């Protein structure tokens, strides 16, 4: 593998937590329950794949493979497990993805990363 790619992957690892917890909340549409539903998703980064981009505005493109360990939801501090990513709104998944790569965009602007959820 190219030395520049290996160095860039090491830099990415400094910004992307290998283990983390995403926390947020959402409201259920058309529900009488006005309390927010809290969401916690512990996750592990399993792999970072990177290659040089031949064309375009980025020097490198790649994928961060993330394994959600579980999806926990609750109201008022009462949490339950057994949920999947399909049980939370799409915009929350977008926020989860953005949370993982946000520092890359700020500090390594020549790198474009996508997030792929693995199970």
PDB file of N, CA and C in Angstrom:
ATOM      1  N   UNK A   1       0.851  -1.183   0.000  1.00  0.00           N
ATOM      2  CA  UNK A   1       0.000   0.000   0.000  1.00  0.00           C
ATOM      3  C   UNK A   1       0.896   1.245   0.000  1.00  0.00           C
ATOM      4  N   UNK A   2       0.439   2.254  -0.674  1.00  0.00           N
ATOM      5  CA  UNK A   2       1.144   3.522  -0.798  1.00  0.00           C
ATOM      6  C   UNK A   2       1.411   4.134   0.582  1.00  0.00           C
ATOM      7  N   UNK A   3       2.605   4.652   0.783  1.00  0.00           N
ATOM      8  CA  UNK A   3       3.000   5.243   2.073  1.00  0.00           C
ATOM      9  C   UNK A   3       2.106   6.430   2.447  1.00  0.00           C
ATOM     10  N   UNK A   4       1.755   7.259   1.460  1.00  0.00           N
ATOM     11  CA  UNK A   4       0.877   8.402   1.723  1.00  0.00           C
ATOM     12  C   UNK A   4      -0.492   7.956   2.230  1.00  0.00           C
ATOM     13  N   UNK A   5      -0.992   6.862   1.677  1.00  0.00           N
ATOM     14  CA  UNK A   5      -2.291   6.337   2.117  1.00  0.00           C
ATOM     15  C   UNK A   5      -2.193   5.843   3.554  1.00  0.00           C
ATOM     16  N   UNK A   6      -1.115   5.135   3.888  1.00  0.00           N
ATOM     17  CA  UNK A   6      -0.943   4.643   5.259  1.00  0.00           C
ATOM     18  C   UNK A   6      -0.855   5.794   6.256  1.00  0.00           C
ATOM     19  N   UNK A   7      -0.139   6.839   5.901  1.00  0.00           N
ATOM     20  CA  UNK A   7      -0.021   8.014   6.782  1.00  0.00           C
ATOM     21  C   UNK A   7      -1.384   8.679   6.946  1.00  0.00           C
ATOM     22  N   UNK A   8      -2.128   8.789   5.848  1.00  0.00           N
ATOM     23  CA  UNK A   8      -3.458   9.414   5.917  1.00  0.00           C
ATOM     24  C   UNK A   8      -4.412   8.579   6.756  1.00  0.00           C
ATOM     25  N   UNK A   9      -4.347   7.268   6.638  1.00  0.00           N
ATOM     26  CA  UNK A   9      -5.194   6.395   7.467  1.00  0.00           C
ATOM     27  C   UNK A   9      -4.855   6.592   8.942  1.00  0.00           C
ATOM     28  N   UNK A  10      -3.587   6.716   9.274  1.00  0.00           N
ATOM     29  CA  UNK A  10      -3.187   6.955  10.670  1.00  0.00           C
ATOM     30  C   UNK A  10      -3.723   8.295  11.163  1.00  0.00           C
ATOM     31  N   UNK A  11      -3.706   9.314  10.319  1.00  0.00           N
ATOM     32  CA  UNK A  11      -4.277  10.618  10.691  1.00  0.00           C
ATOM     33  C   UNK A  11      -5.785  10.504  10.915  1.00  0.00           C
ATOM     34  N   UNK A  12      -6.452   9.756  10.051  1.00  0.00           N
ATOM     35  CA  UNK A  12      -7.896   9.558  10.200  1.00  0.00           C
ATOM     36  C   UNK A  12      -8.191   8.884  11.534  1.00  0.00           C
ATOM     37  N   UNK A  13      -7.389   7.902  11.908  1.00  0.00           N
ATOM     38  CA  UNK A  13      -7.597   7.191  13.167  1.00  0.00           C
ATOM     39  C   UNK A  13      -7.480   8.116  14.370  1.00  0.00           C
ATOM     40  N   UNK A  14      -6.716   9.197  14.238  1.00  0.00           N
ATOM     41  CA  UNK A  14      -6.602  10.155  15.335  1.00  0.00           C
ATOM     42  C   UNK A  14      -7.889  10.957  15.523  1.00  0.00           C
ATOM     43  N   UNK A  15      -8.647  11.132  14.443  1.00  0.00           N
ATOM     44  CA  UNK A  15      -9.878  11.913  14.509  1.00  0.00           C
ATOM     45  C   UNK A  15     -11.126  11.069  14.717  1.00  0.00           C
ATOM     46  N   UNK A  16     -11.121   9.849  14.204  1.00  0.00           N
ATOM     47  CA  UNK A  16     -12.289   8.980  14.310  1.00  0.00           C
ATOM     48  C   UNK A  16     -12.087   8.056  15.502  1.00  0.00           C
ATOM     49  N   UNK A  17     -12.989   8.135  16.467  1.00  0.00           N
ATOM     50  CA  UNK A  17     -12.888   7.254  17.630  1.00  0.00           C
ATOM     51  C   UNK A  17     -13.130   5.812  17.211  1.00  0.00           C
ATOM     52  N   UNK A  18     -12.257   4.906  17.674  1.00  0.00           N
ATOM     53  CA  UNK A  18     -12.445   3.499  17.318  1.00  0.00           C
ATOM     54  C   UNK A  18     -13.632   2.901  18.070  1.00  0.00           C
ATOM     55  N   UNK A  19     -13.913   3.438  19.243  1.00  0.00           N
ATOM     56  CA  UNK A  19     -15.097   3.052  20.018  1.00  0.00           C
ATOM     57  C   UNK A  19     -15.765   4.336  20.469  1.00  0.00           C
ATOM     58  N   UNK A  20     -17.057   4.393  20.321  1.00  0.00           N
ATOM     59  CA  UNK A  20     -17.754   5.599  20.730  1.00  0.00           C
ATOM     60  C   UNK A  20     -19.209   5.318  21.036  1.00  0.00           C
ATOM     61  N   UNK A  21     -19.898   6.368  21.456  1.00  0.00           N
ATOM     62  CA  UNK A  21     -21.333   6.279  21.713  1.00  0.00           C
ATOM     63  C   UNK A  21     -21.973   7.516  21.095  1.00  0.00           C
ATOM     64  N   UNK A  22     -22.904   7.288  20.204  1.00  0.00           N
ATOM     65  CA  UNK A  22     -23.690   8.374  19.632  1.00  0.00           C
ATOM     66  C   UNK A  22     -24.934   8.521  20.486  1.00  0.00           C
ATOM     67  N   UNK A  23     -25.226   9.758  20.908  1.00  0.00           N
ATOM     68  CA  UNK A  23     -26.418  10.023  21.720  1.00  0.00           C
ATOM     69  C   UNK A  23     -27.187  11.183  21.112  1.00  0.00           C
ATOM     70  N   UNK A  24     -28.488  11.004  21.009  1.00  0.00           N
ATOM     71  CA  UNK A  24     -29.360  12.045  20.479  1.00  0.00           C
ATOM     72  C   UNK A  24     -30.791  11.721  20.903  1.00  0.00           C
ATOM     73  N   UNK A  25     -31.736  12.433  20.361  1.00  0.00           N
ATOM     74  CA  UNK A  25     -33.142  12.174  20.672  1.00  0.00           C
ATOM     75  C   UNK A  25     -33.999  12.562  19.480  1.00  0.00           C
ATOM     76  N   UNK A  26     -35.244  12.097  19.490  1.00  0.00           N
ATOM     77  CA  UNK A  26     -36.214  12.479  18.473  1.00  0.00           C
ATOM     78  C   UNK A  26     -37.605  12.440  19.092  1.00  0.00           C
ATOM     79  N   UNK A  27     -38.523  13.067  18.394  1.00  0.00           N
ATOM     80  CA  UNK A  27     -39.928  13.047  18.800  1.00  0.00           C
ATOM     81  C   UNK A  27     -40.698  12.152  17.836  1.00  0.00           C
ATOM     82  N   UNK A  28     -41.636  11.404  18.368  1.00  0.00           N
ATOM     83  CA  UNK A  28     -42.464  10.540  17.538  1.00  0.00           C
ATOM     84  C   UNK A  28     -43.544  11.383  16.874  1.00  0.00           C
ATOM     85  N   UNK A  29     -43.595  11.373  15.539  1.00  0.00           N
ATOM     86  CA  UNK A  29     -44.638  12.174  14.871  1.00  0.00           C
ATOM     87  C   UNK A  29     -46.026  11.590  15.123  1.00  0.00           C
ATOM     88  N   UNK A  30     -46.992  12.460  15.222  1.00  0.00           N
ATOM     89  CA  UNK A  30     -48.404  12.089  15.386  1.00  0.00           C
ATOM     90  C   UNK A  30     -48.664  11.293  16.665  1.00  0.00           C
ATOM     91  N   UNK A  31     -47.842  11.535  17.671  1.00  0.00           N
ATOM     92  CA  UNK A  31     -48.005  10.823  18.931  1.00  0.00           C
ATOM     93  C   UNK A  31     -48.506  11.787  19.994  1.00  0.00           C
ATOM     94  N   UNK A  32     -49.267  11.255  20.925  1.00  0.00           N
ATOM     95  CA  UNK A  32     -49.706  12.066  22.049  1.00  0.00           C
ATOM     96  C   UNK A  32     -48.584  12.237  23.065  1.00  0.00           C
ATOM     97  N   UNK A  33     -47.565  11.399  22.981  1.00  0.00           N
ATOM     98  CA  UNK A  33     -46.419  11.480  23.878  1.00  0.00           C
ATOM     99  C   UNK A  33     -45.508  12.607  23.413  1.00  0.00           C
ATOM    100  N   UNK A  34     -45.434  13.667  24.180  1.00  0.00           N
ATOM    101  CA  UNK A  34     -44.619  14.823  23.806  1.00  0.00           C
ATOM    102  C   UNK A  34     -43.192  14.730  24.340  1.00  0.00           C
ATOM    103  N   UNK A  35     -42.877  13.656  25.040  1.00  0.00           N
ATOM    104  CA  UNK A  35     -41.521  13.508  25.563  1.00  0.00           C
ATOM    105  C   UNK A  35     -40.588  13.015  24.462  1.00  0.00           C
ATOM    106  N   UNK A  36     -39.342  13.515  24.466  1.00  0.00           N
ATOM    107  CA  UNK A  36     -38.407  13.036  23.452  1.00  0.00           C
ATOM    108  C   UNK A  36     -37.992  11.590  23.718  1.00  0.00           C
ATOM    109  N   UNK A  37     -37.720  10.868  22.656  1.00  0.00           N
ATOM    110  CA  UNK A  37     -37.210   9.509  22.770  1.00  0.00           C
ATOM    111  C   UNK A  37     -35.695   9.589  22.665  1.00  0.00           C
ATOM    112  N   UNK A  38     -35.023   9.233  23.735  1.00  0.00           N
ATOM    113  CA  UNK A  38     -33.565   9.265  23.771  1.00  0.00           C
ATOM    114  C   UNK A  38     -33.015   8.035  23.061  1.00  0.00           C
ATOM    115  N   UNK A  39     -31.907   8.254  22.329  1.00  0.00           N
ATOM    116  CA  UNK A  39     -31.268   7.177  21.581  1.00  0.00           C
ATOM    117  C   UNK A  39     -29.788   7.141  21.944  1.00  0.00           C
ATOM    118  N   UNK A  40     -29.291   5.955  22.221  1.00  0.00           N
ATOM    119  CA  UNK A  40     -27.858   5.725  22.449  1.00  0.00           C
ATOM    120  C   UNK A  40     -27.422   4.583  21.542  1.00  0.00           C
ATOM    121  N   UNK A  41     -26.327   4.814  20.830  1.00  0.00           N
ATOM    122  CA  UNK A  41     -25.801   3.777  19.943  1.00  0.00           C
ATOM    123  C   UNK A  41     -24.299   3.623  20.195  1.00  0.00           C
ATOM    124  N   UNK A  42     -23.915   2.672  21.039  1.00  0.00           N
ATOM    125  CA  UNK A  42     -22.486   2.374  21.158  1.00  0.00           C
ATOM    126  C   UNK A  42     -22.014   1.735  19.846  1.00  0.00           C
ATOM    127  N   UNK A  43     -20.824   2.123  19.405  1.00  0.00           N
ATOM    128  CA  UNK A  43     -20.340   1.598  18.132  1.00  0.00           C
ATOM    129  C   UNK A  43     -18.841   1.347  18.166  1.00  0.00           C
ATOM    130  N   UNK A  44     -18.394   0.592  17.176  1.00  0.00           N
ATOM    131  CA  UNK A  44     -16.981   0.284  17.025  1.00  0.00           C
ATOM    132  C   UNK A  44     -16.610   0.462  15.553  1.00  0.00           C
ATOM    133  N   UNK A  45     -15.518   1.172  15.295  1.00  0.00           N
ATOM    134  CA  UNK A  45     -15.007   1.288  13.934  1.00  0.00           C
ATOM    135  C   UNK A  45     -14.208   0.022  13.655  1.00  0.00           C
ATOM    136  N   UNK A  46     -14.629  -0.734  12.642  1.00  0.00           N
ATOM    137  CA  UNK A  46     -13.993  -2.017  12.362  1.00  0.00           C
ATOM    138  C   UNK A  46     -12.918  -1.929  11.289  1.00  0.00           C
ATOM    139  N   UNK A  47     -13.029  -0.925  10.404  1.00  0.00           N
ATOM    140  CA  UNK A  47     -12.065  -0.836   9.310  1.00  0.00           C
ATOM    141  C   UNK A  47     -12.141   0.550   8.674  1.00  0.00           C
ATOM    142  N   UNK A  48     -11.012   1.005   8.156  1.00  0.00           N
ATOM    143  CA  UNK A  48     -10.975   2.223   7.352  1.00  0.00           C
ATOM    144  C   UNK A  48     -10.318   1.860   6.027  1.00  0.00           C
ATOM    145  N   UNK A  49     -11.016   2.098   4.941  1.00  0.00           N
ATOM    146  CA  UNK A  49     -10.513   1.799   3.608  1.00  0.00           C
ATOM    147  C   UNK A  49     -10.286   3.120   2.881  1.00  0.00           C
ATOM    148  N   UNK A  50      -9.159   3.250   2.193  1.00  0.00           N
ATOM    149  CA  UNK A  50      -8.815   4.516   1.549  1.00  0.00           C
ATOM    150  C   UNK A  50      -8.095   4.243   0.233  1.00  0.00           C
ATOM    151  N   UNK A  51      -8.382   5.059  -0.770  1.00  0.00           N
ATOM    152  CA  UNK A  51      -7.668   4.975  -2.047  1.00  0.00           C
ATOM    153  C   UNK A  51      -7.496   6.375  -2.622  1.00  0.00           C
ATOM    154  N   UNK A  52      -6.511   6.518  -3.502  1.00  0.00           N
ATOM    155  CA  UNK A  52      -6.301   7.804  -4.170  1.00  0.00           C
ATOM    156  C   UNK A  52      -7.387   8.022  -5.200  1.00  0.00           C
ATOM    157  N   UNK A  53      -7.854   9.246  -5.259  1.00  0.00           N
ATOM    158  CA  UNK A  53      -8.878   9.624  -6.218  1.00  0.00           C
ATOM    159  C   UNK A  53      -8.186  10.146  -7.473  1.00  0.00           C
ATOM    160  N   UNK A  54      -8.577   9.647  -8.611  1.00  0.00           N
ATOM    161  CA  UNK A  54      -7.935  10.049  -9.865  1.00  0.00           C
ATOM    162  C   UNK A  54      -8.434  11.410 -10.351  1.00  0.00           C
ATOM    163  N   UNK A  55      -9.708  11.696 -10.126  1.00  0.00           N
ATOM    164  CA  UNK A  55     -10.302  12.957 -10.549  1.00  0.00           C
ATOM    165  C   UNK A  55     -11.117  13.531  -9.405  1.00  0.00           C
ATOM    166  N   UNK A  56     -11.451  14.780  -9.519  1.00  0.00           N
ATOM    167  CA  UNK A  56     -12.309  15.385  -8.514  1.00  0.00           C
ATOM    168  C   UNK A  56     -11.545  16.284  -7.565  1.00  0.00           C
ATOM    169  N   UNK A  57     -12.265  16.809  -6.586  1.00  0.00           N
ATOM    170  CA  UNK A  57     -11.657  17.792  -5.693  1.00  0.00           C
ATOM    171  C   UNK A  57     -10.947  17.167  -4.496  1.00  0.00           C
ATOM    172  N   UNK A  58     -11.085  15.868  -4.270  1.00  0.00           N
ATOM    173  CA  UNK A  58     -10.441  15.212  -3.144  1.00  0.00           C
ATOM    174  C   UNK A  58      -9.237  14.406  -3.610  1.00  0.00           C
ATOM    175  N   UNK A  59      -8.215  14.389  -2.789  1.00  0.00           N
ATOM    176  CA  UNK A  59      -7.028  13.583  -3.105  1.00  0.00           C
ATOM    177  C   UNK A  59      -7.280  12.110  -2.776  1.00  0.00           C
ATOM    178  N   UNK A  60      -8.048  11.877  -1.687  1.00  0.00           N
ATOM    179  CA  UNK A  60      -8.343  10.509  -1.258  1.00  0.00           C
ATOM    180  C   UNK A  60      -9.835  10.351  -1.019  1.00  0.00           C
ATOM    181  N   UNK A  61     -10.327   9.141  -1.265  1.00  0.00           N
ATOM    182  CA  UNK A  61     -11.692   8.769  -0.926  1.00  0.00           C
ATOM    183  C   UNK A  61     -11.643   7.462  -0.161  1.00  0.00           C
ATOM    184  N   UNK A  62     -12.623   7.280   0.711  1.00  0.00           N
ATOM    185  CA  UNK A  62     -12.625   6.039   1.456  1.00  0.00           C
ATOM    186  C   UNK A  62     -13.917   5.794   2.201  1.00  0.00           C
ATOM    187  N   UNK A  63     -13.878   4.725   2.978  1.00  0.00           N
ATOM    188  CA  UNK A  63     -15.039   4.303   3.747  1.00  0.00           C
ATOM    189  C   UNK A  63     -14.604   3.975   5.169  1.00  0.00           C
ATOM    190  N   UNK A  64     -15.385   4.453   6.123  1.00  0.00           N
ATOM    191  CA  UNK A  64     -15.219   4.057   7.520  1.00  0.00           C
ATOM    192  C   UNK A  64     -16.316   3.032   7.796  1.00  0.00           C
ATOM    193  N   UNK A  65     -15.909   1.817   8.158  1.00  0.00           N
ATOM    194  CA  UNK A  65     -16.873   0.753   8.460  1.00  0.00           C
ATOM    195  C   UNK A  65     -17.167   0.774   9.954  1.00  0.00           C
ATOM    196  N   UNK A  66     -18.433   0.948  10.279  1.00  0.00           N
ATOM    197  CA  UNK A  66     -18.862   1.109  11.666  1.00  0.00           C
ATOM    198  C   UNK A  66     -19.836  -0.005  12.019  1.00  0.00           C
ATOM    199  N   UNK A  67     -19.574  -0.644  13.154  1.00  0.00           N
ATOM    200  CA  UNK A  67     -20.474  -1.684  13.646  1.00  0.00           C
ATOM    201  C   UNK A  67     -21.230  -1.141  14.854  1.00  0.00           C
ATOM    202  N   UNK A  68     -22.535  -0.867  14.695  1.00  0.00           N
ATOM    203  CA  UNK A  68     -23.333  -0.477  15.863  1.00  0.00           C
ATOM    204  C   UNK A  68     -23.448  -1.686  16.796  1.00  0.00           C
ATOM    205  N   UNK A  69     -23.061  -1.520  18.045  1.00  0.00           N
ATOM    206  CA  UNK A  69     -23.090  -2.643  18.979  1.00  0.00           C
ATOM    207  C   UNK A  69     -24.502  -2.927  19.471  1.00  0.00           C
ATOM    208  N   UNK A  70     -25.289  -1.887  19.630  1.00  0.00           N
ATOM    209  CA  UNK A  70     -26.707  -2.028  19.954  1.00  0.00           C
ATOM    210  C   UNK A  70     -27.363  -0.667  19.807  1.00  0.00           C
ATOM    211  N   UNK A  71     -28.667  -0.669  19.676  1.00  0.00           N
ATOM    212  CA  UNK A  71     -29.446   0.566  19.623  1.00  0.00           C
ATOM    213  C   UNK A  71     -30.349   0.560  20.842  1.00  0.00           C
ATOM    214  N   UNK A  72     -30.150   1.560  21.684  1.00  0.00           N
ATOM    215  CA  UNK A  72     -30.888   1.662  22.943  1.00  0.00           C
ATOM    216  C   UNK A  72     -31.791   2.885  22.861  1.00  0.00           C
ATOM    217  N   UNK A  73     -33.067   2.712  23.218  1.00  0.00           N
ATOM    218  CA  UNK A  73     -34.002   3.829  23.201  1.00  0.00           C
ATOM    219  C   UNK A  73     -34.740   3.888  24.523  1.00  0.00           C
ATOM    220  N   UNK A  74     -35.152   5.090  24.874  1.00  0.00           N
ATOM    221  CA  UNK A  74     -35.909   5.221  26.102  1.00  0.00           C
ATOM    222  C   UNK A  74     -36.525   6.589  26.266  1.00  0.00           C
ATOM    223  N   UNK A  75     -37.397   6.668  27.240  1.00  0.00           N
ATOM    224  CA  UNK A  75     -38.067   7.915  27.582  1.00  0.00           C
ATOM    225  C   UNK A  75     -37.890   8.148  29.073  1.00  0.00           C
ATOM    226  N   UNK A  76     -37.478   9.337  29.432  1.00  0.00           N
ATOM    227  CA  UNK A  76     -37.355   9.685  30.844  1.00  0.00           C
ATOM    228  C   UNK A  76     -36.353   8.833  31.615  1.00  0.00           C
ATOM    229  N   UNK A  77     -35.293   8.415  30.968  1.00  0.00           N
ATOM    230  CA  UNK A  77     -34.265   7.634  31.655  1.00  0.00           C
ATOM    231  C   UNK A  77     -34.528   6.141  31.728  1.00  0.00           C
ATOM    232  N   UNK A  78     -35.661   5.699  31.205  1.00  0.00           N
ATOM    233  CA  UNK A  78     -35.992   4.268  31.176  1.00  0.00           C
ATOM    234  C   UNK A  78     -35.635   3.718  29.794  1.00  0.00           C
ATOM    235  N   UNK A  79     -34.494   3.043  29.710  1.00  0.00           N
ATOM    236  CA  UNK A  79     -33.997   2.581  28.414  1.00  0.00           C
ATOM    237  C   UNK A  79     -34.294   1.110  28.169  1.00  0.00           C
ATOM    238  N   UNK A  80     -34.455   0.779  26.881  1.00  0.00           N
ATOM    239  CA  UNK A  80     -34.682  -0.604  26.456  1.00  0.00           C
ATOM    240  C   UNK A  80     -33.741  -0.916  25.304  1.00  0.00           C
ATOM    241  N   UNK A  81     -33.277  -2.147  25.244  1.00  0.00           N
ATOM    242  CA  UNK A  81     -32.419  -2.589  24.149  1.00  0.00           C
ATOM    243  C   UNK A  81     -33.258  -3.374  23.151  1.00  0.00           C
ATOM    244  N   UNK A  82     -32.622  -3.878  22.118  1.00  0.00           N
ATOM    245  CA  UNK A  82     -33.313  -4.712  21.145  1.00  0.00           C
ATOM    246  C   UNK A  82     -33.780  -3.972  19.912  1.00  0.00           C
ATOM    247  N   UNK A  83     -33.403  -2.733  19.775  1.00  0.00           N
ATOM    248  CA  UNK A  83     -33.781  -1.957  18.597  1.00  0.00           C
ATOM    249  C   UNK A  83     -32.689  -2.076  17.535  1.00  0.00           C
ATOM    250  N   UNK A  84     -33.029  -1.670  16.306  1.00  0.00           N
ATOM    251  CA  UNK A  84     -32.042  -1.649  15.219  1.00  0.00           C
ATOM    252  C   UNK A  84     -31.994  -0.237  14.633  1.00  0.00           C
ATOM    253  N   UNK A  85     -31.056  -0.024  13.725  1.00  0.00           N
ATOM    254  CA  UNK A  85     -30.966   1.281  13.074  1.00  0.00           C
ATOM    255  C   UNK A  85     -32.223   1.591  12.272  1.00  0.00           C
ATOM    256  N   UNK A  86     -32.959   0.567  11.871  1.00  0.00           N
ATOM    257  CA  UNK A  86     -34.205   0.779  11.138  1.00  0.00           C
ATOM    258  C   UNK A  86     -35.301   1.385  12.009  1.00  0.00           C
ATOM    259  N   UNK A  87     -35.114   1.344  13.321  1.00  0.00           N
ATOM    260  CA  UNK A  87     -36.126   1.845  14.243  1.00  0.00           C
ATOM    261  C   UNK A  87     -35.981   3.330  14.565  1.00  0.00           C
ATOM    262  N   UNK A  88     -34.951   3.976  14.034  1.00  0.00           N
ATOM    263  CA  UNK A  88     -34.763   5.398  14.315  1.00  0.00           C
ATOM    264  C   UNK A  88     -34.932   6.194  13.021  1.00  0.00           C
ATOM    265  N   UNK A  89     -35.306   7.466  13.131  1.00  0.00           N
ATOM    266  CA  UNK A  89     -35.535   8.268  11.923  1.00  0.00           C
ATOM    267  C   UNK A  89     -34.268   8.404  11.063  1.00  0.00           C
ATOM    268  N   UNK A  90     -34.476   8.541   9.777  1.00  0.00           N
ATOM    269  CA  UNK A  90     -33.373   8.654   8.809  1.00  0.00           C
ATOM    270  C   UNK A  90     -32.472   9.846   9.121  1.00  0.00           C
ATOM    271  N   UNK A  91     -33.067  10.980   9.520  1.00  0.00           N
ATOM    272  CA  UNK A  91     -32.244  12.149   9.809  1.00  0.00           C
ATOM    273  C   UNK A  91     -31.317  11.909  10.995  1.00  0.00           C
ATOM    274  N   UNK A  92     -31.712  11.047  11.920  1.00  0.00           N
ATOM    275  CA  UNK A  92     -30.842  10.714  13.047  1.00  0.00           C
ATOM    276  C   UNK A  92     -29.655   9.865  12.576  1.00  0.00           C
ATOM    277  N   UNK A  93     -29.887   8.985  11.608  1.00  0.00           N
ATOM    278  CA  UNK A  93     -28.784   8.226  11.004  1.00  0.00           C
ATOM    279  C   UNK A  93     -27.807   9.158  10.302  1.00  0.00           C
ATOM    280  N   UNK A  94     -28.352  10.178   9.624  1.00  0.00           N
ATOM    281  CA  UNK A  94     -27.491  11.169   8.981  1.00  0.00           C
ATOM    282  C   UNK A  94     -26.636  11.895  10.018  1.00  0.00           C
ATOM    283  N   UNK A  95     -27.237  12.243  11.153  1.00  0.00           N
ATOM    284  CA  UNK A  95     -26.491  12.900  12.230  1.00  0.00           C
ATOM    285  C   UNK A  95     -25.420  11.973  12.797  1.00  0.00           C
ATOM    286  N   UNK A  96     -25.744  10.699  12.925  1.00  0.00           N
ATOM    287  CA  UNK A  96     -24.800   9.696  13.419  1.00  0.00           C
ATOM    288  C   UNK A  96     -23.591   9.621  12.477  1.00  0.00           C
ATOM    289  N   UNK A  97     -23.859   9.537  11.185  1.00  0.00           N
ATOM    290  CA  UNK A  97     -22.804   9.490  10.177  1.00  0.00           C
ATOM    291  C   UNK A  97     -21.945  10.747  10.238  1.00  0.00           C
ATOM    292  N   UNK A  98     -22.594  11.893  10.290  1.00  0.00           N
ATOM    293  CA  UNK A  98     -21.882  13.172  10.344  1.00  0.00           C
ATOM    294  C   UNK A  98     -21.015  13.266  11.597  1.00  0.00           C
ATOM    295  N   UNK A  99     -21.528  12.768  12.695  1.00  0.00           N
ATOM    296  CA  UNK A  99     -20.791  12.799  13.955  1.00  0.00           C
ATOM    297  C   UNK A  99     -19.471  12.019  13.853  1.00  0.00           C
ATOM    298  N   UNK A 100     -19.475  10.944  13.094  1.00  0.00           N
ATOM    299  CA  UNK A 100     -18.288  10.109  12.967  1.00  0.00           C
ATOM    300  C   UNK A 100     -17.209  10.788  12.132  1.00  0.00           C
ATOM    301  N   UNK A 101     -17.586  11.456  11.055  1.00  0.00           N
ATOM    302  CA  UNK A 101     -16.587  12.004  10.134  1.00  0.00           C
ATOM    303  C   UNK A 101     -16.424  13.524  10.207  1.00  0.00           C
ATOM    304  N   UNK A 102     -17.084  14.196  11.139  1.00  0.00           N
ATOM    305  CA  UNK A 102     -17.070  15.663  11.152  1.00  0.00           C
ATOM    306  C   UNK A 102     -15.668  16.247  11.295  1.00  0.00           C
ATOM    307  N   UNK A 103     -14.819  15.667  12.111  1.00  0.00           N
ATOM    308  CA  UNK A 103     -13.477  16.210  12.291  1.00  0.00           C
ATOM    309  C   UNK A 103     -12.611  15.990  11.053  1.00  0.00           C
ATOM    310  N   UNK A 104     -12.883  14.943  10.316  1.00  0.00           N
ATOM    311  CA  UNK A 104     -12.140  14.696   9.078  1.00  0.00           C
ATOM    312  C   UNK A 104     -12.396  15.840   8.106  1.00  0.00           C
ATOM    313  N   UNK A 105     -13.641  16.238   7.964  1.00  0.00           N
ATOM    314  CA  UNK A 105     -13.979  17.331   7.055  1.00  0.00           C
ATOM    315  C   UNK A 105     -13.281  18.622   7.451  1.00  0.00           C
ATOM    316  N   UNK A 106     -13.138  18.858   8.744  1.00  0.00           N
ATOM    317  CA  UNK A 106     -12.529  20.094   9.221  1.00  0.00           C
ATOM    318  C   UNK A 106     -11.008  20.109   9.095  1.00  0.00           C
ATOM    319  N   UNK A 107     -10.350  18.994   9.347  1.00  0.00           N
ATOM    320  CA  UNK A 107      -8.892  18.981   9.427  1.00  0.00           C
ATOM    321  C   UNK A 107      -8.201  18.289   8.251  1.00  0.00           C
ATOM    322  N   UNK A 108      -8.883  17.409   7.572  1.00  0.00           N
ATOM    323  CA  UNK A 108      -8.312  16.720   6.414  1.00  0.00           C
ATOM    324  C   UNK A 108      -9.237  16.953   5.217  1.00  0.00           C
ATOM    325  N   UNK A 109      -9.255  18.179   4.749  1.00  0.00           N
ATOM    326  CA  UNK A 109     -10.215  18.558   3.711  1.00  0.00           C
ATOM    327  C   UNK A 109      -9.938  17.890   2.366  1.00  0.00           C
ATOM    328  N   UNK A 110      -8.784  17.262   2.220  1.00  0.00           N
ATOM    329  CA  UNK A 110      -8.461  16.571   0.967  1.00  0.00           C
ATOM    330  C   UNK A 110      -8.934  15.110   0.975  1.00  0.00           C
ATOM    331  N   UNK A 111      -9.647  14.728   2.054  1.00  0.00           N
ATOM    332  CA  UNK A 111     -10.125  13.356   2.197  1.00  0.00           C
ATOM    333  C   UNK A 111     -11.656  13.357   2.243  1.00  0.00           C
ATOM    334  N   UNK A 112     -12.276  12.487   1.436  1.00  0.00           N
ATOM    335  CA  UNK A 112     -13.722  12.312   1.465  1.00  0.00           C
ATOM    336  C   UNK A 112     -14.014  10.911   2.000  1.00  0.00           C
ATOM    337  N   UNK A 113     -14.789  10.847   3.077  1.00  0.00           N
ATOM    338  CA  UNK A 113     -15.122   9.557   3.680  1.00  0.00           C
ATOM    339  C   UNK A 113     -16.631   9.363   3.730  1.00  0.00           C
ATOM    340  N   UNK A 114     -17.045   8.147   3.464  1.00  0.00           N
ATOM    341  CA  UNK A 114     -18.411   7.727   3.675  1.00  0.00           C
ATOM    342  C   UNK A 114     -18.420   6.772   4.850  1.00  0.00           C
ATOM    343  N   UNK A 115     -19.580   6.574   5.434  1.00  0.00           N
ATOM    344  CA  UNK A 115     -19.722   5.623   6.547  1.00  0.00           C
ATOM    345  C   UNK A 115     -20.610   4.491   6.076  1.00  0.00           C
ATOM    346  N   UNK A 116     -20.153   3.269   6.336  1.00  0.00           N
ATOM    347  CA  UNK A 116     -20.918   2.078   5.998  1.00  0.00           C
ATOM    348  C   UNK A 116     -21.173   1.316   7.301  1.00  0.00           C
ATOM    349  N   UNK A 117     -22.430   1.078   7.616  1.00  0.00           N
ATOM    350  CA  UNK A 117     -22.765   0.350   8.828  1.00  0.00           C
ATOM    351  C   UNK A 117     -22.701  -1.152   8.554  1.00  0.00           C
ATOM    352  N   UNK A 118     -21.902  -1.861   9.330  1.00  0.00           N
ATOM    353  CA  UNK A 118     -21.764  -3.301   9.195  1.00  0.00           C
ATOM    354  C   UNK A 118     -22.375  -3.963  10.416  1.00  0.00           C
ATOM    355  N   UNK A 119     -22.771  -5.215  10.256  1.00  0.00           N
ATOM    356  CA  UNK A 119     -23.392  -5.940  11.362  1.00  0.00           C
ATOM    357  C   UNK A 119     -22.699  -7.248  11.588  1.00  0.00           C
TER     358      UNK A 119
END
